[in-house]
């Protein structure tokens, strides 16, 4: 199953600092998930000053419960970087799937 995960950061005055602190652990986990085929593509959302304020990921998991298991260990969640998270099932178009 494929999903779009849209995550908006908290907006309090310490939110950006928490993102900076959690970033290395988040990127390490993303590397593992890319190798496992769970994350197909990801981008950072930027504000008008080009500061990171969220993330969008295209993911592939066997079930929604596997996303919940990822969230239990995702540094941007456990360290209170991501606040509002939307998960929508999707389908990657055949032209974008490597054969």
N, C-alpha and C. Protein backbone atom coordinates (compact mmCIF):
# COMPACT_ATOMS: atom_id res chain seq x y z
N UNK A 1 0.84 -1.17 0.00
CA UNK A 1 0.00 0.00 0.00
C UNK A 1 0.89 1.24 0.00
N UNK A 2 0.49 2.22 -0.77
CA UNK A 2 1.26 3.45 -0.85
C UNK A 2 0.50 4.58 -0.17
N UNK A 3 1.26 5.48 0.44
CA UNK A 3 0.68 6.55 1.24
C UNK A 3 1.43 7.85 1.02
N UNK A 4 0.71 8.96 1.11
CA UNK A 4 1.31 10.28 1.22
C UNK A 4 1.20 10.67 2.68
N UNK A 5 2.33 10.99 3.29
CA UNK A 5 2.36 11.46 4.67
C UNK A 5 2.73 12.93 4.61
N UNK A 6 1.83 13.78 5.07
CA UNK A 6 2.09 15.22 5.15
C UNK A 6 2.15 15.59 6.62
N UNK A 7 3.29 16.11 7.05
CA UNK A 7 3.50 16.42 8.46
C UNK A 7 3.91 17.88 8.61
N UNK A 8 3.14 18.62 9.38
CA UNK A 8 3.45 20.02 9.66
C UNK A 8 4.07 20.12 11.04
N UNK A 9 5.13 20.89 11.13
CA UNK A 9 5.84 21.05 12.41
C UNK A 9 4.99 21.84 13.41
N UNK A 10 5.32 21.65 14.68
CA UNK A 10 4.79 22.51 15.71
C UNK A 10 5.20 23.95 15.37
N UNK A 11 4.50 24.92 15.89
CA UNK A 11 4.78 26.32 15.55
C UNK A 11 5.26 27.15 16.75
N UNK A 12 5.53 26.50 17.87
CA UNK A 12 6.01 27.24 19.03
C UNK A 12 7.43 27.74 18.79
N UNK A 13 7.91 28.61 19.64
CA UNK A 13 9.21 29.25 19.45
C UNK A 13 10.39 28.28 19.49
N UNK A 14 10.24 27.10 20.06
CA UNK A 14 11.34 26.12 20.14
C UNK A 14 11.23 25.03 19.07
N UNK A 15 10.22 25.11 18.23
CA UNK A 15 9.98 24.05 17.24
C UNK A 15 11.17 23.86 16.29
N UNK A 16 11.70 24.95 15.77
CA UNK A 16 12.81 24.82 14.82
C UNK A 16 14.04 24.20 15.50
N UNK A 17 14.30 24.57 16.73
CA UNK A 17 15.45 24.01 17.45
C UNK A 17 15.27 22.50 17.67
N UNK A 18 14.05 22.06 17.97
CA UNK A 18 13.81 20.62 18.14
C UNK A 18 14.06 19.90 16.81
N UNK A 19 13.69 20.52 15.68
CA UNK A 19 13.93 19.92 14.37
C UNK A 19 15.44 19.76 14.15
N UNK A 20 16.20 20.78 14.45
CA UNK A 20 17.65 20.73 14.26
C UNK A 20 18.26 19.61 15.11
N UNK A 21 17.82 19.50 16.35
CA UNK A 21 18.35 18.48 17.26
C UNK A 21 18.00 17.07 16.77
N UNK A 22 16.79 16.87 16.26
CA UNK A 22 16.31 15.54 15.86
C UNK A 22 16.72 15.16 14.43
N UNK A 23 17.21 16.11 13.66
CA UNK A 23 17.42 15.90 12.22
C UNK A 23 18.35 14.73 11.91
N UNK A 24 19.49 14.62 12.57
CA UNK A 24 20.44 13.55 12.26
C UNK A 24 19.82 12.17 12.49
N UNK A 25 19.12 12.00 13.60
CA UNK A 25 18.46 10.71 13.88
C UNK A 25 17.34 10.45 12.87
N UNK A 26 16.61 11.50 12.50
CA UNK A 26 15.55 11.36 11.49
C UNK A 26 16.14 10.91 10.15
N UNK A 27 17.22 11.57 9.71
CA UNK A 27 17.84 11.21 8.43
C UNK A 27 18.42 9.80 8.45
N UNK A 28 18.95 9.38 9.57
CA UNK A 28 19.48 8.02 9.70
C UNK A 28 18.35 7.00 9.54
N UNK A 29 17.23 7.25 10.19
CA UNK A 29 16.08 6.35 10.05
C UNK A 29 15.55 6.38 8.61
N UNK A 30 15.51 7.57 7.99
CA UNK A 30 15.05 7.67 6.60
C UNK A 30 15.93 6.84 5.68
N UNK A 31 17.24 6.86 5.89
CA UNK A 31 18.15 6.07 5.08
C UNK A 31 17.81 4.58 5.18
N UNK A 32 17.54 4.11 6.38
CA UNK A 32 17.15 2.71 6.57
C UNK A 32 15.83 2.40 5.85
N UNK A 33 14.90 3.33 5.96
CA UNK A 33 13.58 3.10 5.36
C UNK A 33 13.62 3.18 3.84
N UNK A 34 14.52 3.99 3.29
CA UNK A 34 14.70 4.05 1.84
C UNK A 34 15.26 2.71 1.36
N UNK A 35 16.27 2.22 2.04
CA UNK A 35 16.87 0.93 1.67
C UNK A 35 15.86 -0.21 1.75
N UNK A 36 14.95 -0.14 2.73
CA UNK A 36 13.93 -1.18 2.90
C UNK A 36 12.77 -1.02 1.91
N UNK A 37 12.74 0.11 1.18
CA UNK A 37 11.66 0.33 0.21
C UNK A 37 10.42 0.98 0.81
N UNK A 38 10.50 1.41 2.06
CA UNK A 38 9.34 2.03 2.70
C UNK A 38 9.16 3.50 2.34
N UNK A 39 10.25 4.20 2.11
CA UNK A 39 10.16 5.61 1.70
C UNK A 39 10.62 5.70 0.27
N UNK A 40 9.72 6.18 -0.60
CA UNK A 40 10.04 6.29 -2.02
C UNK A 40 10.56 7.67 -2.37
N UNK A 41 10.06 8.70 -1.67
CA UNK A 41 10.43 10.08 -1.97
C UNK A 41 10.05 10.95 -0.79
N UNK A 42 10.83 11.99 -0.52
CA UNK A 42 10.49 12.88 0.59
C UNK A 42 10.99 14.28 0.28
N UNK A 43 10.26 15.27 0.79
CA UNK A 43 10.66 16.67 0.66
C UNK A 43 10.38 17.39 1.96
N UNK A 44 11.13 18.47 2.18
CA UNK A 44 10.85 19.35 3.32
C UNK A 44 9.93 20.47 2.84
N UNK A 45 8.95 20.81 3.66
CA UNK A 45 8.11 21.97 3.39
C UNK A 45 8.84 23.20 3.94
N UNK A 46 8.79 24.31 3.19
CA UNK A 46 9.49 25.52 3.58
C UNK A 46 8.52 26.68 3.78
N UNK A 47 8.89 27.58 4.68
CA UNK A 47 8.10 28.79 4.85
C UNK A 47 8.65 29.88 3.92
N UNK A 48 8.14 31.10 4.04
CA UNK A 48 8.55 32.20 3.17
C UNK A 48 10.03 32.57 3.31
N UNK A 49 10.63 32.20 4.43
CA UNK A 49 12.06 32.47 4.66
C UNK A 49 12.92 31.26 4.31
N UNK A 50 12.30 30.25 3.69
CA UNK A 50 12.95 28.99 3.31
C UNK A 50 13.43 28.19 4.50
N UNK A 51 12.73 28.31 5.60
CA UNK A 51 12.98 27.50 6.80
C UNK A 51 12.09 26.27 6.76
N UNK A 52 12.64 25.12 7.15
CA UNK A 52 11.85 23.88 7.15
C UNK A 52 10.73 23.97 8.19
N UNK A 53 9.51 23.66 7.73
CA UNK A 53 8.35 23.73 8.62
C UNK A 53 7.47 22.48 8.52
N UNK A 54 7.97 21.45 7.85
CA UNK A 54 7.19 20.23 7.70
C UNK A 54 7.82 19.31 6.68
N UNK A 55 7.13 18.22 6.40
CA UNK A 55 7.64 17.20 5.49
C UNK A 55 6.50 16.56 4.72
N UNK A 56 6.81 16.10 3.51
CA UNK A 56 5.89 15.28 2.72
C UNK A 56 6.68 14.06 2.27
N UNK A 57 6.12 12.88 2.52
CA UNK A 57 6.78 11.64 2.14
C UNK A 57 5.83 10.78 1.33
N UNK A 58 6.35 10.12 0.33
CA UNK A 58 5.62 9.09 -0.40
C UNK A 58 6.18 7.77 0.12
N UNK A 59 5.32 6.98 0.72
CA UNK A 59 5.76 5.76 1.42
C UNK A 59 5.06 4.53 0.88
N UNK A 60 5.67 3.39 1.15
CA UNK A 60 5.06 2.10 0.82
C UNK A 60 5.21 1.18 2.02
N UNK A 61 4.08 0.73 2.52
CA UNK A 61 4.02 -0.18 3.66
C UNK A 61 2.97 -1.25 3.39
N UNK A 62 3.09 -2.36 4.07
CA UNK A 62 2.13 -3.44 3.91
C UNK A 62 0.76 -3.10 4.46
N UNK A 63 0.73 -2.19 5.45
CA UNK A 63 -0.54 -1.82 6.08
C UNK A 63 -0.40 -0.50 6.81
N UNK A 64 -1.51 0.06 7.18
CA UNK A 64 -1.51 1.30 7.96
C UNK A 64 -0.87 1.05 9.33
N UNK A 65 -1.01 -0.14 9.88
CA UNK A 65 -0.41 -0.42 11.18
C UNK A 65 1.12 -0.37 11.13
N UNK A 66 1.71 -0.62 9.96
CA UNK A 66 3.16 -0.50 9.82
C UNK A 66 3.59 0.96 9.89
N UNK A 67 2.76 1.87 9.41
CA UNK A 67 3.05 3.30 9.56
C UNK A 67 3.01 3.66 11.03
N UNK A 68 2.02 3.16 11.74
CA UNK A 68 1.93 3.43 13.17
C UNK A 68 3.16 2.93 13.92
N UNK A 69 3.70 1.78 13.51
CA UNK A 69 4.91 1.25 14.12
C UNK A 69 6.10 2.16 13.83
N UNK A 70 6.20 2.69 12.61
CA UNK A 70 7.25 3.64 12.27
C UNK A 70 7.14 4.89 13.14
N UNK A 71 5.91 5.39 13.30
CA UNK A 71 5.70 6.60 14.10
C UNK A 71 6.16 6.42 15.55
N UNK A 72 6.12 5.20 16.06
CA UNK A 72 6.56 4.95 17.44
C UNK A 72 8.06 5.22 17.63
N UNK A 73 8.82 5.17 16.53
CA UNK A 73 10.27 5.37 16.63
C UNK A 73 10.78 6.54 15.79
N UNK A 74 9.91 7.23 15.10
CA UNK A 74 10.31 8.37 14.26
C UNK A 74 10.74 9.55 15.14
N UNK A 75 12.02 9.98 15.04
CA UNK A 75 12.50 11.07 15.89
C UNK A 75 11.71 12.37 15.75
N UNK A 76 11.19 12.67 14.57
CA UNK A 76 10.42 13.90 14.42
C UNK A 76 9.09 13.83 15.15
N UNK A 77 8.67 12.64 15.51
CA UNK A 77 7.46 12.50 16.33
C UNK A 77 7.85 12.39 17.80
N UNK A 78 8.78 11.51 18.11
CA UNK A 78 9.14 11.30 19.52
C UNK A 78 9.78 12.54 20.14
N UNK A 79 10.40 13.39 19.30
CA UNK A 79 11.02 14.61 19.82
C UNK A 79 10.19 15.86 19.53
N UNK A 80 8.93 15.65 19.23
CA UNK A 80 7.94 16.73 19.07
C UNK A 80 8.32 17.78 18.03
N UNK A 81 8.70 17.29 16.84
CA UNK A 81 8.92 18.18 15.69
C UNK A 81 7.64 18.24 14.87
N UNK A 82 7.14 17.08 14.46
CA UNK A 82 5.89 17.03 13.68
C UNK A 82 4.70 17.14 14.61
N UNK A 83 3.77 18.00 14.25
CA UNK A 83 2.56 18.21 15.04
C UNK A 83 1.36 17.61 14.33
N UNK A 84 0.93 18.23 13.26
CA UNK A 84 -0.25 17.78 12.50
C UNK A 84 0.21 16.87 11.38
N UNK A 85 -0.29 15.64 11.40
CA UNK A 85 0.12 14.64 10.42
C UNK A 85 -1.12 14.11 9.70
N UNK A 86 -1.07 14.16 8.38
CA UNK A 86 -2.15 13.62 7.56
C UNK A 86 -1.59 12.44 6.76
N UNK A 87 -2.33 11.35 6.76
CA UNK A 87 -1.92 10.16 6.00
C UNK A 87 -3.04 9.83 5.03
N UNK A 88 -2.67 9.76 3.76
CA UNK A 88 -3.65 9.47 2.71
C UNK A 88 -3.13 8.34 1.85
N UNK A 89 -3.93 7.31 1.65
CA UNK A 89 -3.52 6.23 0.75
C UNK A 89 -3.48 6.79 -0.67
N UNK A 90 -2.50 6.34 -1.46
CA UNK A 90 -2.35 6.83 -2.83
C UNK A 90 -1.82 5.69 -3.71
N UNK A 91 -1.60 6.00 -4.96
CA UNK A 91 -1.04 5.04 -5.90
C UNK A 91 -0.04 5.77 -6.78
N UNK A 92 1.20 5.33 -6.75
CA UNK A 92 2.22 5.92 -7.61
C UNK A 92 1.94 5.51 -9.05
N UNK A 93 1.95 6.48 -9.95
CA UNK A 93 1.68 6.22 -11.36
C UNK A 93 2.74 5.33 -11.99
N UNK A 94 2.34 4.48 -12.94
CA UNK A 94 3.29 3.53 -13.54
C UNK A 94 4.51 4.19 -14.18
N UNK A 95 4.39 5.40 -14.68
CA UNK A 95 5.53 6.08 -15.30
C UNK A 95 6.61 6.41 -14.28
N UNK A 96 6.26 6.42 -12.98
CA UNK A 96 7.21 6.78 -11.94
C UNK A 96 7.77 5.57 -11.21
N UNK A 97 7.32 4.37 -11.56
CA UNK A 97 7.78 3.16 -10.88
C UNK A 97 8.91 2.55 -11.69
N UNK A 98 10.04 2.36 -11.03
CA UNK A 98 11.19 1.76 -11.70
C UNK A 98 10.96 0.26 -11.85
N UNK A 99 11.21 -0.27 -13.03
CA UNK A 99 10.94 -1.66 -13.30
C UNK A 99 12.04 -2.54 -13.09
